[in-house]
C-alpha atoms as a PDB file:
ATOM      1  CA  MET A   1      14.680   9.857 -25.914  1.00  0.00           C
ATOM      2  CA  ALA A   2      13.345   8.580 -29.231  1.00  0.00           C
ATOM      3  CA  LYS A   3      15.114   5.285 -28.673  1.00  0.00           C
ATOM      4  CA  ILE A   4      13.433   4.846 -25.285  1.00  0.00           C
ATOM      5  CA  ASN A   5      10.005   5.608 -26.762  1.00  0.00           C
ATOM      6  CA  SER A   6      10.551   3.157 -29.606  1.00  0.00           C
ATOM      7  CA  GLU A   7      11.570   0.445 -27.123  1.00  0.00           C
ATOM      8  CA  ARG A   8       8.451   1.114 -25.046  1.00  0.00           C
ATOM      9  CA  ILE A   9       6.237   0.904 -28.109  1.00  0.00           C
ATOM     10  CA  SER A  10       7.890  -2.306 -29.238  1.00  0.00           C
ATOM     11  CA  GLU A  11       7.408  -3.878 -25.782  1.00  0.00           C
ATOM     12  CA  GLU A  12       3.702  -3.029 -25.866  1.00  0.00           C
ATOM     13  CA  SER A  13       3.290  -4.368 -29.380  1.00  0.00           C
ATOM     14  CA  ILE A  14       5.037  -7.635 -28.479  1.00  0.00           C
ATOM     15  CA  SER A  15       2.997  -8.278 -25.345  1.00  0.00           C
ATOM     16  CA  GLY A  16      -0.239  -7.077 -26.934  1.00  0.00           C
ATOM     17  CA  SER A  17      -1.330  -5.060 -23.910  1.00  0.00           C
ATOM     18  CA  LYS A  18      -0.154  -2.343 -21.581  1.00  0.00           C
ATOM     19  CA  ARG A  19       1.495  -3.032 -18.245  1.00  0.00           C
ATOM     20  CA  GLU A  20      -1.553  -1.799 -16.318  1.00  0.00           C
ATOM     21  CA  ASP A  21      -3.718  -4.385 -18.055  1.00  0.00           C
ATOM     22  CA  ILE A  22      -1.287  -7.128 -17.125  1.00  0.00           C
ATOM     23  CA  GLY A  23      -1.460  -6.134 -13.455  1.00  0.00           C
ATOM     24  CA  GLU A  24      -5.254  -6.138 -13.478  1.00  0.00           C
ATOM     25  CA  LYS A  25      -5.322  -9.574 -15.079  1.00  0.00           C
ATOM     26  CA  ALA A  26      -2.927 -10.940 -12.459  1.00  0.00           C
ATOM     27  CA  LEU A  27      -4.935  -9.558  -9.536  1.00  0.00           C
ATOM     28  CA  GLY A  28      -8.317 -10.750 -10.716  1.00  0.00           C
ATOM     29  CA  GLU A  29     -11.422 -10.065  -8.652  1.00  0.00           C
ATOM     30  CA  PHE A  30     -11.107  -8.442  -5.245  1.00  0.00           C
ATOM     31  CA  GLU A  31     -12.211 -10.508  -2.290  1.00  0.00           C
ATOM     32  CA  PRO A  32     -14.571  -8.945   0.246  1.00  0.00           C
ATOM     33  CA  TRP A  33     -13.091  -8.489   3.708  1.00  0.00           C
ATOM     34  CA  GLU A  34     -14.190 -10.726   6.526  1.00  0.00           C
ATOM     35  CA  SER A  35     -15.472  -9.023   9.665  1.00  0.00           C
ATOM     36  CA  TRP A  36     -12.498 -10.266  11.711  1.00  0.00           C
ATOM     37  CA  GLU A  37     -10.092  -8.645   9.238  1.00  0.00           C
ATOM     38  CA  THR A  38     -11.834  -5.308   9.655  1.00  0.00           C
ATOM     39  CA  GLN A  39     -11.743  -5.642  13.433  1.00  0.00           C
ATOM     40  CA  LEU A  40      -8.055  -6.568  13.297  1.00  0.00           C
ATOM     41  CA  CYS A  41      -7.241  -3.419  11.319  1.00  0.00           C
ATOM     42  CA  LEU A  42      -9.302  -1.191  13.600  1.00  0.00           C
ATOM     43  CA  TRP A  43      -7.768  -2.634  16.761  1.00  0.00           C
ATOM     44  CA  SER A  44      -4.258  -2.304  15.304  1.00  0.00           C
ATOM     45  CA  ILE A  45      -4.821   1.349  14.433  1.00  0.00           C
ATOM     46  CA  GLY A  46      -6.307   2.020  17.880  1.00  0.00           C
ATOM     47  CA  ILE A  47      -3.418   0.343  19.697  1.00  0.00           C
ATOM     48  CA  GLY A  48      -0.903   2.217  17.569  1.00  0.00           C
ATOM     49  CA  MET A  49      -2.513   5.577  18.271  1.00  0.00           C
ATOM     50  CA  THR A  50      -2.698   4.809  21.995  1.00  0.00           C
ATOM     51  CA  ALA A  51       0.973   3.828  22.027  1.00  0.00           C
ATOM     52  CA  LEU A  52       1.901   7.108  20.317  1.00  0.00           C
ATOM     53  CA  VAL A  53       0.009   9.118  22.935  1.00  0.00           C
ATOM     54  CA  VAL A  54       1.535   7.197  25.856  1.00  0.00           C
ATOM     55  CA  LEU A  55       5.052   7.411  24.441  1.00  0.00           C
ATOM     56  CA  GLY A  56       4.560  11.114  23.713  1.00  0.00           C
ATOM     57  CA  ILE A  57       3.579  11.727  27.336  1.00  0.00           C
ATOM     58  CA  LEU A  58       6.561   9.736  28.616  1.00  0.00           C
ATOM     59  CA  VAL A  59       8.994  11.594  26.347  1.00  0.00           C
ATOM     60  CA  ASN A  60       7.503  14.908  27.441  1.00  0.00           C
ATOM     61  CA  GLN A  61       7.857  14.067  31.145  1.00  0.00           C
ATOM     62  CA  PHE A  62      11.258  12.392  31.217  1.00  0.00           C
ATOM     63  CA  LEU A  63      13.261  13.696  28.275  1.00  0.00           C
ATOM     64  CA  LEU A  64      12.011  17.211  27.666  1.00  0.00           C
ATOM     65  CA  SER A  65      11.753  18.367  31.277  1.00  0.00           C
END
């Protein structure tokens, strides 16, 4: 266990920052969503929920009866 902790500390001291900081630097600033991207997500969720309801009804009628 002590060996693992010493390796972790040495990795942080070599790189000069923690892994979380590296990820934030790589991502940079977030881009705002376009309106069409929001609509695409909403439509996809709506279609998926509708498909689940329809398939649930079909399974109930044909497989569980």
